[in-house]
Structures are given as structure tokens and as C-alpha cells.
N, C-alpha and C. Protein backbone atom coordinates (compact mmCIF):
# COMPACT_ATOMS: atom_id res chain seq x y z
N MET A 1 104.93 111.48 37.48
CA MET A 1 105.59 110.34 38.12
C MET A 1 105.45 109.09 37.23
N ASN A 2 106.54 108.34 37.08
CA ASN A 2 106.51 107.08 36.36
C ASN A 2 105.47 106.16 37.00
N TYR A 3 104.64 105.49 36.15
CA TYR A 3 103.55 104.69 36.72
C TYR A 3 104.05 103.54 37.60
N LYS A 4 105.19 102.97 37.25
CA LYS A 4 105.71 101.87 38.08
C LYS A 4 106.01 102.35 39.50
N ARG A 5 106.53 103.60 39.61
CA ARG A 5 106.80 104.15 40.94
C ARG A 5 105.50 104.46 41.67
N LEU A 6 104.54 105.02 40.95
CA LEU A 6 103.23 105.30 41.54
C LEU A 6 102.56 104.00 41.98
N LYS A 7 102.66 102.99 41.15
CA LYS A 7 102.08 101.68 41.44
C LYS A 7 102.67 101.11 42.73
N ARG A 8 103.98 101.24 42.88
CA ARG A 8 104.65 100.73 44.09
C ARG A 8 104.18 101.51 45.32
N PHE A 9 104.06 102.81 45.19
CA PHE A 9 103.58 103.65 46.30
C PHE A 9 102.16 103.25 46.70
N LEU A 10 101.29 103.08 45.72
CA LEU A 10 99.90 102.69 45.99
C LEU A 10 99.82 101.30 46.60
N ASP A 11 100.69 100.40 46.14
CA ASP A 11 100.74 99.05 46.71
C ASP A 11 100.98 99.09 48.22
N ILE A 12 101.97 99.90 48.61
CA ILE A 12 102.33 99.99 50.03
C ILE A 12 101.18 100.61 50.84
N VAL A 13 100.64 101.70 50.33
CA VAL A 13 99.56 102.40 51.04
C VAL A 13 98.34 101.50 51.22
N PHE A 14 97.88 100.88 50.13
CA PHE A 14 96.66 100.05 50.21
C PHE A 14 96.90 98.76 50.99
N SER A 15 98.12 98.25 50.97
CA SER A 15 98.43 97.05 51.75
C SER A 15 98.41 97.35 53.25
N MET A 16 98.93 98.49 53.63
CA MET A 16 98.91 98.87 55.04
C MET A 16 97.47 99.12 55.51
N ILE A 17 96.67 99.76 54.65
CA ILE A 17 95.26 99.98 54.97
C ILE A 17 94.54 98.63 55.08
N GLY A 18 94.84 97.74 54.13
CA GLY A 18 94.22 96.42 54.12
C GLY A 18 94.54 95.63 55.38
N LEU A 19 95.81 95.62 55.79
CA LEU A 19 96.20 94.90 56.99
C LEU A 19 95.52 95.48 58.23
N THR A 20 95.38 96.80 58.26
CA THR A 20 94.74 97.46 59.40
C THR A 20 93.27 97.07 59.53
N PHE A 21 92.53 97.18 58.43
CA PHE A 21 91.10 96.90 58.47
C PHE A 21 90.77 95.41 58.53
N LEU A 22 91.65 94.59 57.97
CA LEU A 22 91.38 93.15 57.94
C LEU A 22 91.97 92.40 59.13
N SER A 23 92.70 93.10 59.99
CA SER A 23 93.35 92.44 61.13
C SER A 23 92.39 91.66 62.02
N PRO A 24 91.16 92.17 62.31
CA PRO A 24 90.23 91.37 63.13
C PRO A 24 89.85 90.05 62.45
N ILE A 25 89.60 90.10 61.12
CA ILE A 25 89.25 88.89 60.38
C ILE A 25 90.43 87.93 60.34
N MET A 26 91.63 88.49 60.15
CA MET A 26 92.84 87.66 60.10
C MET A 26 93.09 86.98 61.45
N LEU A 27 92.76 87.66 62.54
CA LEU A 27 92.91 87.07 63.87
C LEU A 27 91.95 85.90 64.03
N ILE A 28 90.71 86.06 63.57
CA ILE A 28 89.72 84.99 63.65
C ILE A 28 90.16 83.79 62.82
N ILE A 29 90.68 84.04 61.62
CA ILE A 29 91.16 82.96 60.76
C ILE A 29 92.32 82.23 61.44
N THR A 30 93.22 83.00 62.05
CA THR A 30 94.37 82.42 62.75
C THR A 30 93.92 81.46 63.85
N ILE A 31 92.97 81.90 64.66
CA ILE A 31 92.45 81.07 65.76
C ILE A 31 91.76 79.82 65.21
N ALA A 32 90.96 80.00 64.14
CA ALA A 32 90.23 78.88 63.55
C ALA A 32 91.18 77.82 63.00
N ILE A 33 92.25 78.25 62.33
CA ILE A 33 93.23 77.30 61.79
C ILE A 33 93.91 76.53 62.91
N LYS A 34 94.28 77.24 63.97
CA LYS A 34 94.95 76.63 65.12
C LYS A 34 94.06 75.61 65.82
N LEU A 35 92.79 75.93 65.93
CA LEU A 35 91.85 75.04 66.62
C LEU A 35 91.55 73.77 65.82
N GLU A 36 91.59 73.90 64.49
CA GLU A 36 91.20 72.75 63.67
C GLU A 36 92.32 71.76 63.41
N SER A 37 93.53 72.25 63.18
CA SER A 37 94.59 71.31 62.81
C SER A 37 95.96 71.76 63.33
N LYS A 38 96.82 70.80 63.50
CA LYS A 38 98.18 71.09 63.96
C LYS A 38 99.01 71.65 62.81
N GLY A 39 99.96 72.50 63.17
CA GLY A 39 100.83 73.06 62.15
C GLY A 39 100.82 74.57 62.17
N PRO A 40 101.68 75.20 61.37
CA PRO A 40 101.75 76.66 61.33
C PRO A 40 100.51 77.29 60.71
N VAL A 41 100.21 78.50 61.13
CA VAL A 41 99.06 79.23 60.58
C VAL A 41 99.37 79.71 59.16
N ILE A 42 100.60 80.18 58.99
CA ILE A 42 101.03 80.70 57.68
C ILE A 42 101.77 79.63 56.89
N PHE A 43 101.34 79.44 55.67
CA PHE A 43 102.01 78.51 54.76
C PHE A 43 102.93 79.32 53.85
N GLN A 44 104.18 78.94 53.79
CA GLN A 44 105.14 79.63 52.93
C GLN A 44 105.63 78.68 51.84
N GLN A 45 105.79 79.24 50.66
CA GLN A 45 106.21 78.44 49.51
C GLN A 45 107.06 79.29 48.57
N GLU A 46 108.10 78.69 48.02
CA GLU A 46 108.98 79.42 47.11
C GLU A 46 108.28 79.67 45.77
N ARG A 47 108.32 80.91 45.33
CA ARG A 47 107.74 81.30 44.05
C ARG A 47 108.75 82.15 43.28
N ILE A 48 108.54 82.27 41.97
CA ILE A 48 109.40 83.10 41.14
C ILE A 48 108.81 84.50 41.05
N GLY A 49 109.63 85.51 41.34
CA GLY A 49 109.16 86.88 41.35
C GLY A 49 109.80 87.76 40.31
N LEU A 50 109.91 89.04 40.63
CA LEU A 50 110.48 90.04 39.72
C LEU A 50 111.88 89.66 39.29
N ASP A 51 112.11 89.74 37.98
CA ASP A 51 113.43 89.42 37.38
C ASP A 51 113.87 87.99 37.65
N GLY A 52 112.90 87.11 37.92
CA GLY A 52 113.23 85.70 38.12
C GLY A 52 113.76 85.35 39.50
N LYS A 53 113.74 86.32 40.41
CA LYS A 53 114.24 86.06 41.76
C LYS A 53 113.21 85.28 42.56
N VAL A 54 113.70 84.35 43.38
CA VAL A 54 112.83 83.49 44.17
C VAL A 54 112.52 84.15 45.52
N PHE A 55 111.27 84.10 45.94
CA PHE A 55 110.87 84.60 47.24
C PHE A 55 109.87 83.64 47.86
N LYS A 56 109.55 83.83 49.12
CA LYS A 56 108.59 82.98 49.81
C LYS A 56 107.25 83.70 49.93
N ILE A 57 106.23 83.13 49.30
CA ILE A 57 104.90 83.71 49.35
C ILE A 57 104.22 83.29 50.66
N ASN A 58 103.40 84.18 51.22
CA ASN A 58 102.67 83.90 52.46
C ASN A 58 101.20 83.66 52.15
N LYS A 59 100.65 82.60 52.73
CA LYS A 59 99.22 82.32 52.64
C LYS A 59 98.77 81.74 53.98
N PHE A 60 97.49 81.91 54.30
CA PHE A 60 96.95 81.17 55.42
C PHE A 60 96.93 79.70 55.02
N ARG A 61 97.38 78.84 55.92
CA ARG A 61 97.42 77.41 55.61
C ARG A 61 96.00 76.88 55.49
N SER A 62 95.71 76.27 54.33
CA SER A 62 94.36 75.76 54.07
C SER A 62 94.34 74.24 53.91
N MET A 63 95.52 73.63 53.97
CA MET A 63 95.62 72.17 53.84
C MET A 63 96.35 71.59 55.05
N CYS A 64 96.30 70.29 55.17
CA CYS A 64 97.07 69.64 56.23
C CYS A 64 98.56 69.79 55.93
N VAL A 65 99.38 69.73 56.95
CA VAL A 65 100.82 69.90 56.78
C VAL A 65 101.39 68.83 55.84
N GLY A 66 102.22 69.26 54.90
CA GLY A 66 102.85 68.34 53.95
C GLY A 66 101.99 67.97 52.76
N ALA A 67 100.85 68.65 52.60
CA ALA A 67 99.91 68.31 51.52
C ALA A 67 100.53 68.49 50.14
N GLU A 68 101.44 69.47 50.01
CA GLU A 68 102.00 69.75 48.68
C GLU A 68 102.82 68.59 48.12
N LYS A 69 103.22 67.65 49.01
CA LYS A 69 104.00 66.49 48.55
C LYS A 69 103.14 65.54 47.73
N SER A 70 101.82 65.68 47.86
CA SER A 70 100.90 64.79 47.14
C SER A 70 100.48 65.35 45.79
N GLY A 71 101.03 66.51 45.43
CA GLY A 71 100.71 67.08 44.13
C GLY A 71 100.33 68.54 44.20
N VAL A 72 100.46 69.22 43.06
CA VAL A 72 100.18 70.66 42.95
C VAL A 72 98.69 70.94 42.90
N TYR A 73 97.96 70.08 42.20
CA TYR A 73 96.56 70.38 41.90
C TYR A 73 95.61 69.95 43.00
N GLU A 74 94.67 70.84 43.29
CA GLU A 74 93.56 70.54 44.19
C GLU A 74 92.35 70.18 43.36
N THR A 75 91.58 69.21 43.84
CA THR A 75 90.36 68.82 43.15
C THR A 75 89.17 68.96 44.09
N LYS A 76 87.98 68.91 43.56
CA LYS A 76 86.79 69.01 44.40
C LYS A 76 86.77 67.84 45.38
N GLY A 77 86.50 68.17 46.64
CA GLY A 77 86.45 67.15 47.67
C GLY A 77 87.82 66.68 48.13
N ASP A 78 88.88 67.42 47.79
CA ASP A 78 90.24 67.06 48.17
C ASP A 78 90.34 66.91 49.69
N ALA A 79 90.72 65.71 50.15
CA ALA A 79 90.78 65.41 51.58
C ALA A 79 91.89 66.18 52.28
N ARG A 80 92.84 66.72 51.53
CA ARG A 80 93.94 67.47 52.14
C ARG A 80 93.51 68.84 52.64
N VAL A 81 92.40 69.35 52.09
CA VAL A 81 91.91 70.69 52.45
C VAL A 81 91.11 70.61 53.75
N THR A 82 91.45 71.46 54.71
CA THR A 82 90.73 71.48 55.98
C THR A 82 89.38 72.17 55.80
N LYS A 83 88.53 72.08 56.81
CA LYS A 83 87.22 72.73 56.75
C LYS A 83 87.39 74.25 56.69
N VAL A 84 88.28 74.77 57.54
CA VAL A 84 88.57 76.20 57.51
C VAL A 84 89.20 76.56 56.18
N GLY A 85 90.09 75.70 55.72
CA GLY A 85 90.77 75.92 54.45
C GLY A 85 89.81 76.01 53.28
N LYS A 86 88.81 75.16 53.28
CA LYS A 86 87.81 75.18 52.21
C LYS A 86 87.12 76.53 52.14
N PHE A 87 86.79 77.08 53.31
CA PHE A 87 86.09 78.37 53.35
C PHE A 87 87.00 79.51 52.92
N ILE A 88 88.23 79.56 53.44
CA ILE A 88 89.10 80.70 53.12
C ILE A 88 89.59 80.64 51.68
N ARG A 89 89.66 79.44 51.11
CA ARG A 89 90.00 79.33 49.69
C ARG A 89 88.85 79.82 48.82
N LYS A 90 87.65 79.40 49.18
CA LYS A 90 86.47 79.77 48.40
C LYS A 90 86.27 81.27 48.39
N THR A 91 86.60 81.93 49.50
CA THR A 91 86.42 83.38 49.62
C THR A 91 87.69 84.16 49.32
N SER A 92 88.78 83.45 48.99
CA SER A 92 90.10 84.05 48.70
C SER A 92 90.73 84.71 49.94
N MET A 93 90.23 84.42 51.12
CA MET A 93 90.81 84.98 52.34
C MET A 93 92.19 84.40 52.66
N ASP A 94 92.51 83.26 52.07
CA ASP A 94 93.83 82.68 52.29
C ASP A 94 94.94 83.56 51.73
N GLU A 95 94.57 84.51 50.85
CA GLU A 95 95.56 85.38 50.21
C GLU A 95 95.91 86.61 51.07
N PHE A 96 95.16 86.88 52.15
CA PHE A 96 95.37 88.10 52.94
C PHE A 96 96.83 88.32 53.39
N PRO A 97 97.54 87.28 53.84
CA PRO A 97 98.94 87.48 54.29
C PRO A 97 99.88 88.00 53.20
N GLN A 98 99.43 87.98 51.95
CA GLN A 98 100.29 88.47 50.88
C GLN A 98 100.44 90.00 50.90
N PHE A 99 99.63 90.67 51.72
CA PHE A 99 99.85 92.11 51.92
C PHE A 99 101.25 92.33 52.49
N ILE A 100 101.71 91.38 53.30
CA ILE A 100 103.07 91.47 53.88
C ILE A 100 104.10 91.34 52.77
N ASN A 101 103.88 90.41 51.83
CA ASN A 101 104.77 90.27 50.68
C ASN A 101 104.83 91.55 49.86
N ILE A 102 103.68 92.22 49.75
CA ILE A 102 103.62 93.46 48.97
C ILE A 102 104.43 94.55 49.64
N ILE A 103 104.26 94.71 50.94
CA ILE A 103 105.00 95.74 51.68
C ILE A 103 106.50 95.48 51.60
N LYS A 104 106.89 94.22 51.65
CA LYS A 104 108.31 93.85 51.57
C LYS A 104 108.90 94.10 50.18
N GLY A 105 108.03 94.19 49.17
CA GLY A 105 108.52 94.42 47.81
C GLY A 105 108.57 93.17 46.96
N ASP A 106 108.11 92.04 47.51
CA ASP A 106 108.10 90.79 46.75
C ASP A 106 107.01 90.79 45.69
N MET A 107 105.89 91.46 46.02
CA MET A 107 104.71 91.37 45.17
C MET A 107 104.05 92.73 44.99
N SER A 108 103.02 92.73 44.15
CA SER A 108 102.19 93.90 43.91
C SER A 108 100.73 93.45 44.09
N ILE A 109 99.81 94.39 44.22
CA ILE A 109 98.41 94.00 44.28
C ILE A 109 97.96 93.43 42.94
N ILE A 110 98.39 94.08 41.84
CA ILE A 110 98.05 93.61 40.49
C ILE A 110 99.31 93.18 39.75
N GLY A 111 99.25 92.01 39.14
CA GLY A 111 100.40 91.51 38.38
C GLY A 111 100.21 90.04 38.08
N PRO A 112 101.09 89.43 37.30
CA PRO A 112 101.00 87.99 37.04
C PRO A 112 101.12 87.21 38.34
N ARG A 113 100.31 86.17 38.52
CA ARG A 113 100.43 85.37 39.73
C ARG A 113 101.80 84.70 39.75
N PRO A 114 102.48 84.72 40.91
CA PRO A 114 103.82 84.13 40.99
C PRO A 114 103.77 82.62 40.84
N THR A 115 104.55 82.09 39.93
CA THR A 115 104.57 80.65 39.68
C THR A 115 105.53 79.94 40.62
N LEU A 116 105.31 78.65 40.79
CA LEU A 116 106.23 77.82 41.55
C LEU A 116 107.57 77.75 40.81
N THR A 117 108.62 77.42 41.53
CA THR A 117 109.94 77.35 40.90
C THR A 117 110.04 76.19 39.90
N TYR A 118 109.14 75.22 40.04
CA TYR A 118 109.18 74.04 39.17
C TYR A 118 107.91 73.83 38.36
N HIS A 119 106.90 74.65 38.58
CA HIS A 119 105.62 74.46 37.91
C HIS A 119 105.06 75.79 37.42
N PRO A 120 104.57 75.91 36.19
CA PRO A 120 104.36 74.82 35.25
C PRO A 120 105.64 74.24 34.67
N TRP A 121 106.76 74.98 34.75
CA TRP A 121 108.07 74.47 34.38
C TRP A 121 109.13 75.42 34.95
N PRO A 122 110.38 74.98 35.07
CA PRO A 122 111.46 75.84 35.59
C PRO A 122 111.65 77.08 34.72
N ILE A 123 112.17 78.15 35.30
CA ILE A 123 112.27 79.43 34.59
C ILE A 123 113.12 79.35 33.34
N ASP A 124 114.13 78.48 33.32
CA ASP A 124 114.97 78.41 32.12
C ASP A 124 114.27 77.72 30.95
N GLU A 125 113.08 77.17 31.19
CA GLU A 125 112.33 76.53 30.12
C GLU A 125 111.24 77.44 29.53
N TYR A 126 111.09 78.63 30.11
CA TYR A 126 110.16 79.61 29.52
C TYR A 126 110.80 80.17 28.25
N THR A 127 110.00 80.50 27.27
CA THR A 127 110.53 81.14 26.07
C THR A 127 110.87 82.59 26.42
N GLU A 128 111.60 83.26 25.54
CA GLU A 128 111.98 84.65 25.80
C GLU A 128 110.75 85.55 25.92
N ILE A 129 109.75 85.28 25.10
CA ILE A 129 108.51 86.06 25.18
C ILE A 129 107.80 85.80 26.51
N GLN A 130 107.73 84.54 26.90
CA GLN A 130 107.08 84.18 28.17
C GLN A 130 107.77 84.80 29.37
N LYS A 131 109.08 84.98 29.27
CA LYS A 131 109.85 85.54 30.39
C LYS A 131 109.51 87.01 30.66
N LYS A 132 108.79 87.64 29.74
CA LYS A 132 108.37 89.02 29.96
C LYS A 132 107.50 89.14 31.20
N ARG A 133 106.79 88.07 31.56
CA ARG A 133 105.92 88.10 32.73
C ARG A 133 106.69 88.36 34.02
N PHE A 134 108.00 88.14 33.98
CA PHE A 134 108.84 88.36 35.17
C PHE A 134 109.44 89.76 35.22
N LYS A 135 109.03 90.63 34.30
CA LYS A 135 109.56 92.00 34.27
C LYS A 135 108.81 92.94 35.20
N VAL A 136 107.73 92.44 35.80
CA VAL A 136 107.00 93.22 36.81
C VAL A 136 106.83 92.35 38.05
N ARG A 137 106.51 92.99 39.17
CA ARG A 137 106.27 92.23 40.40
C ARG A 137 105.03 91.36 40.22
N PRO A 138 105.07 90.12 40.71
CA PRO A 138 103.87 89.28 40.64
C PRO A 138 102.78 89.85 41.53
N GLY A 139 101.53 89.51 41.23
CA GLY A 139 100.42 90.11 41.95
C GLY A 139 99.53 89.13 42.70
N VAL A 140 98.70 89.69 43.58
CA VAL A 140 97.69 88.90 44.27
C VAL A 140 96.61 88.50 43.27
N THR A 141 96.34 89.39 42.34
CA THR A 141 95.42 89.09 41.23
C THR A 141 96.01 89.68 39.95
N GLY A 142 95.51 89.21 38.82
CA GLY A 142 96.08 89.68 37.56
C GLY A 142 95.14 89.47 36.39
N TRP A 143 95.61 89.81 35.20
CA TRP A 143 94.82 89.74 33.99
C TRP A 143 94.40 88.30 33.67
N ALA A 144 95.30 87.36 33.90
CA ALA A 144 94.96 85.95 33.65
C ALA A 144 93.88 85.47 34.62
N GLN A 145 93.96 85.93 35.87
CA GLN A 145 93.01 85.49 36.89
C GLN A 145 91.57 85.94 36.59
N VAL A 146 91.43 87.14 36.04
CA VAL A 146 90.07 87.63 35.75
C VAL A 146 89.56 87.14 34.39
N ASN A 147 90.41 86.42 33.68
CA ASN A 147 90.01 85.84 32.40
C ASN A 147 89.90 84.31 32.48
N GLY A 148 89.56 83.82 33.64
CA GLY A 148 89.36 82.38 33.78
C GLY A 148 90.07 81.75 34.95
N ARG A 149 91.13 82.43 35.42
CA ARG A 149 91.88 81.96 36.57
C ARG A 149 92.36 80.53 36.35
N LYS A 150 91.98 79.58 37.21
CA LYS A 150 92.54 78.23 37.14
C LYS A 150 91.93 77.35 36.06
N GLU A 151 90.86 77.83 35.42
CA GLU A 151 90.31 77.06 34.31
C GLU A 151 91.13 77.25 33.04
N VAL A 152 91.98 78.26 33.00
CA VAL A 152 92.74 78.61 31.79
C VAL A 152 94.04 77.81 31.74
N PRO A 153 94.33 77.12 30.63
CA PRO A 153 95.60 76.39 30.48
C PRO A 153 96.79 77.33 30.66
N TRP A 154 97.91 76.78 31.09
CA TRP A 154 99.06 77.62 31.44
C TRP A 154 99.59 78.45 30.28
N ASP A 155 99.62 77.89 29.09
CA ASP A 155 100.14 78.68 27.97
C ASP A 155 99.30 79.92 27.73
N GLU A 156 97.96 79.78 27.95
CA GLU A 156 97.07 80.93 27.79
C GLU A 156 97.24 81.92 28.93
N ARG A 157 97.42 81.42 30.14
CA ARG A 157 97.64 82.30 31.30
C ARG A 157 98.87 83.19 31.07
N ILE A 158 99.91 82.56 30.56
CA ILE A 158 101.16 83.31 30.34
C ILE A 158 100.98 84.35 29.24
N LYS A 159 100.18 84.04 28.22
CA LYS A 159 99.89 85.03 27.19
C LYS A 159 99.19 86.25 27.79
N TYR A 160 98.25 86.01 28.70
CA TYR A 160 97.57 87.11 29.39
C TYR A 160 98.58 87.91 30.22
N ASP A 161 99.50 87.21 30.88
CA ASP A 161 100.51 87.88 31.71
C ASP A 161 101.40 88.80 30.87
N VAL A 162 101.82 88.28 29.72
CA VAL A 162 102.67 89.08 28.82
C VAL A 162 101.91 90.28 28.29
N GLU A 163 100.64 90.08 27.97
CA GLU A 163 99.79 91.17 27.50
C GLU A 163 99.70 92.27 28.56
N TYR A 164 99.58 91.84 29.82
CA TYR A 164 99.52 92.81 30.93
C TYR A 164 100.80 93.64 31.01
N VAL A 165 101.93 92.96 30.94
CA VAL A 165 103.22 93.65 31.03
C VAL A 165 103.39 94.65 29.89
N GLU A 166 102.97 94.26 28.70
CA GLU A 166 103.13 95.12 27.52
C GLU A 166 102.18 96.31 27.50
N HIS A 167 101.09 96.24 28.29
CA HIS A 167 100.10 97.33 28.29
C HIS A 167 99.87 97.87 29.70
N LEU A 168 100.90 97.81 30.52
CA LEU A 168 100.80 98.26 31.92
C LEU A 168 100.35 99.72 32.00
N SER A 169 99.27 99.95 32.76
CA SER A 169 98.75 101.31 32.94
C SER A 169 97.79 101.32 34.12
N ILE A 170 97.50 102.51 34.63
CA ILE A 170 96.58 102.62 35.75
C ILE A 170 95.16 102.21 35.34
N GLY A 171 94.78 102.51 34.09
CA GLY A 171 93.48 102.12 33.60
C GLY A 171 93.32 100.60 33.54
N PHE A 172 94.38 99.92 33.10
CA PHE A 172 94.39 98.46 33.01
C PHE A 172 94.25 97.86 34.41
N ASP A 173 94.98 98.43 35.38
CA ASP A 173 94.92 97.93 36.75
C ASP A 173 93.53 98.12 37.36
N LEU A 174 92.92 99.25 37.10
CA LEU A 174 91.58 99.49 37.62
C LEU A 174 90.57 98.51 37.02
N LYS A 175 90.74 98.19 35.76
CA LYS A 175 89.88 97.22 35.09
C LYS A 175 90.01 95.85 35.75
N ILE A 176 91.24 95.46 36.06
CA ILE A 176 91.50 94.16 36.70
C ILE A 176 90.91 94.12 38.11
N ILE A 177 91.06 95.22 38.86
CA ILE A 177 90.49 95.28 40.21
C ILE A 177 88.98 95.11 40.17
N PHE A 178 88.33 95.80 39.24
CA PHE A 178 86.88 95.71 39.11
C PHE A 178 86.45 94.27 38.79
N LYS A 179 87.13 93.64 37.84
CA LYS A 179 86.79 92.27 37.45
C LYS A 179 87.11 91.29 38.58
N THR A 180 88.17 91.57 39.35
CA THR A 180 88.52 90.71 40.47
C THR A 180 87.44 90.73 41.54
N LEU A 181 86.91 91.89 41.84
CA LEU A 181 85.84 92.01 42.83
C LEU A 181 84.62 91.18 42.43
N ILE A 182 84.32 91.19 41.14
CA ILE A 182 83.19 90.38 40.64
C ILE A 182 83.48 88.90 40.83
N LYS A 183 84.72 88.48 40.53
CA LYS A 183 85.13 87.08 40.68
C LYS A 183 85.06 86.64 42.14
N VAL A 184 85.55 87.50 43.04
CA VAL A 184 85.58 87.17 44.46
C VAL A 184 84.17 87.02 45.01
N VAL A 185 83.30 87.96 44.65
CA VAL A 185 81.91 87.90 45.10
C VAL A 185 81.22 86.64 44.59
N ALA A 186 81.52 86.28 43.34
CA ALA A 186 80.91 85.09 42.74
C ALA A 186 81.63 83.81 43.14
N MET A 187 82.83 83.97 43.78
CA MET A 187 83.65 82.83 44.22
C MET A 187 83.91 81.85 43.08
N GLN A 188 84.41 82.41 41.96
CA GLN A 188 84.65 81.62 40.76
C GLN A 188 86.12 81.24 40.62
N GLY A 189 86.36 80.07 40.01
CA GLY A 189 87.70 79.69 39.57
C GLY A 189 88.71 79.43 40.65
N ASN A 190 88.29 78.85 41.80
CA ASN A 190 89.22 78.63 42.90
C ASN A 190 89.82 77.24 42.94
N VAL A 191 89.47 76.39 41.99
CA VAL A 191 89.97 75.02 42.01
C VAL A 191 90.66 74.69 40.70
N ASN A 192 91.87 74.09 40.79
CA ASN A 192 92.55 73.60 39.60
C ASN A 192 91.80 72.37 39.11
N ILE A 193 91.26 72.44 37.91
CA ILE A 193 90.39 71.36 37.45
C ILE A 193 91.13 70.22 36.77
N SER A 194 92.34 70.43 36.30
CA SER A 194 93.07 69.34 35.64
C SER A 194 94.55 69.67 35.56
N GLU A 195 95.34 68.61 35.41
CA GLU A 195 96.78 68.80 35.28
C GLU A 195 97.11 69.01 33.82
N THR A 196 97.35 70.26 33.44
CA THR A 196 97.52 70.59 32.03
C THR A 196 98.93 71.05 31.67
N ALA A 197 99.75 71.34 32.66
CA ALA A 197 101.04 71.96 32.38
C ALA A 197 101.94 71.10 31.51
N LYS A 198 102.02 69.80 31.82
CA LYS A 198 102.91 68.94 31.05
C LYS A 198 102.44 68.84 29.60
N LYS A 199 101.13 68.71 29.43
CA LYS A 199 100.55 68.62 28.10
C LYS A 199 100.82 69.89 27.32
N GLU A 200 100.61 71.04 27.98
CA GLU A 200 100.81 72.32 27.32
C GLU A 200 102.26 72.52 26.92
N LYS A 201 103.18 72.13 27.84
CA LYS A 201 104.60 72.31 27.55
C LYS A 201 105.00 71.44 26.37
N ALA A 202 104.49 70.22 26.32
CA ALA A 202 104.81 69.34 25.21
C ALA A 202 104.29 69.90 23.89
N GLN A 203 103.08 70.47 23.93
CA GLN A 203 102.51 71.08 22.74
C GLN A 203 103.33 72.28 22.29
N ALA A 204 103.78 73.10 23.27
CA ALA A 204 104.58 74.28 22.94
C ALA A 204 105.92 73.87 22.34
N ASP A 205 106.55 72.84 22.93
CA ASP A 205 107.82 72.35 22.42
C ASP A 205 107.66 71.81 21.00
N ASP A 206 106.55 71.08 20.79
CA ASP A 206 106.28 70.50 19.47
C ASP A 206 106.09 71.60 18.44
N GLN A 207 105.36 72.66 18.83
CA GLN A 207 105.12 73.77 17.91
C GLN A 207 106.42 74.48 17.56
N GLU A 208 107.28 74.72 18.58
CA GLU A 208 108.56 75.37 18.33
C GLU A 208 109.44 74.51 17.42
N SER A 209 109.36 73.18 17.60
CA SER A 209 110.15 72.27 16.76
C SER A 209 109.69 72.35 15.31
N ARG A 210 108.36 72.42 15.12
CA ARG A 210 107.82 72.51 13.76
C ARG A 210 108.23 73.82 13.09
N VAL A 211 108.22 74.91 13.85
CA VAL A 211 108.64 76.20 13.32
C VAL A 211 110.11 76.17 12.92
N ALA A 212 110.94 75.58 13.81
CA ALA A 212 112.38 75.50 13.53
C ALA A 212 112.64 74.65 12.29
N ALA A 213 111.87 73.55 12.15
CA ALA A 213 112.03 72.66 11.00
C ALA A 213 111.64 73.37 9.71
N THR A 214 110.60 74.16 9.76
CA THR A 214 110.14 74.92 8.59
C THR A 214 111.19 75.94 8.15
N ILE A 215 111.77 76.64 9.14
CA ILE A 215 112.80 77.63 8.83
C ILE A 215 114.02 76.96 8.19
N GLU A 216 114.41 75.79 8.76
CA GLU A 216 115.56 75.08 8.24
C GLU A 216 115.30 74.58 6.82
N GLU A 217 114.07 74.11 6.58
CA GLU A 217 113.71 73.64 5.23
C GLU A 217 113.78 74.75 4.21
N ARG A 218 113.32 75.95 4.58
CA ARG A 218 113.33 77.08 3.68
C ARG A 218 114.78 77.50 3.37
N ARG A 219 115.64 77.41 4.39
CA ARG A 219 117.06 77.76 4.17
C ARG A 219 117.70 76.80 3.17
N ASN A 220 117.36 75.52 3.30
CA ASN A 220 117.96 74.51 2.43
C ASN A 220 117.45 74.64 1.00
N ASN A 221 116.21 75.16 0.86
CA ASN A 221 115.65 75.34 -0.49
C ASN A 221 116.15 76.62 -1.14
């Protein structure tokens, strides 16, 4: 069987098992969110998925309603994060509703994390190499996440994503799962520490410009 088909089958099976066993915890989280703050329990946000198609990702709401209008990045002590939200983010429990996205076919358990439609930049601003990350379903966890997660600048994250796509295999996925479990237990890398996307994009554009200028100079010589 083609591994992509096997991967999809395993995604569905493990997601259904996950929803079944985690349903009591998810019910408790639902009640806790409702008791603490007004607003929906599930937070939905548009993300870029397989082949560049946009879908709505599901997460337990961990911030006050409308928090995303104040910026993408969360910092330590961010007042927008609720008390329940702080706990479920630290333990990655806010990601549990993404099992529904997996069953629907929007996502996979392992794959590049789905980016926002506008951050770190719109899809038409990715280079052709960077766009390889969209050739597989985005994941709940991925190669970039176990190599630093939010501490890693976006250009490096995308390199990890492309590397994953180019070396997709069951062994690679098992390695990522093992490293993810270690990260979750240690509760590492759950906070965006700085706004780096604009800086990285400018650096990437500058580098591409220098390469283009060098090629043009060589042609003229």
C-alpha cells in the first residue's frame, strides 16, 4: 500500500480512538472554558492546507474573544490568555479538537503545521521550494515543531517542513511522534517569543535579489 494512503487510514483510526478516550477530558475542558469566560468553546481560524486550500482549524478557545485582533504573537503573561487557556496551551490540550479536522481530511496527525492565510506571509509570496510544504496535509505536530517549535524562525521552520515532505516515511513519522511526546511532557516551546516573520521575509527577499543580481552580472560579462 502507498504510504500516503496508509498514513490517511492510520490518521482516521487513531483520531477516532483519540476522540473516544479523550472525550471525558474534552468535556471537562469545555465546562471549564464556559465557566470562566463568555464566548464559544471552540475557536476556529482559517489556515492554509493541502495544495494551498483554505480550511478552518479547530482549537479549544484559550484567549478572550477577539484576541487575535491584537496580534498573532503571544508573550509571557499575555493578558488575553485565560486561566484555563494558559493550562491547556501549556499541556497542548487546546489541540484536541483537531482530531475532527483530521477525520474530515483537513489535517494529518503528522505534517507541517498549517499556517495562517496571511502569516508569516500570503501563499503567493512563498518561493516554489517553500510551497512544497503544502503538498501534504498539515499536521497537529511536525518536524519543525520537534526541532524548536515556536523558538525557530519561520524560514527555518519551512526548511524543516520541506525536508519532511521530501523524506516522507513511516519511520520519519514515528521519530516525530516520539520527539513530540518528549516535548509535550516537558511542555516546551509553547510561546511565540518574538515577531520574526517580517524580518525573515525581508532577509529572504534580499538574498533572492542578491542572487538574481549576481546571475544578471554574470550574463552581462
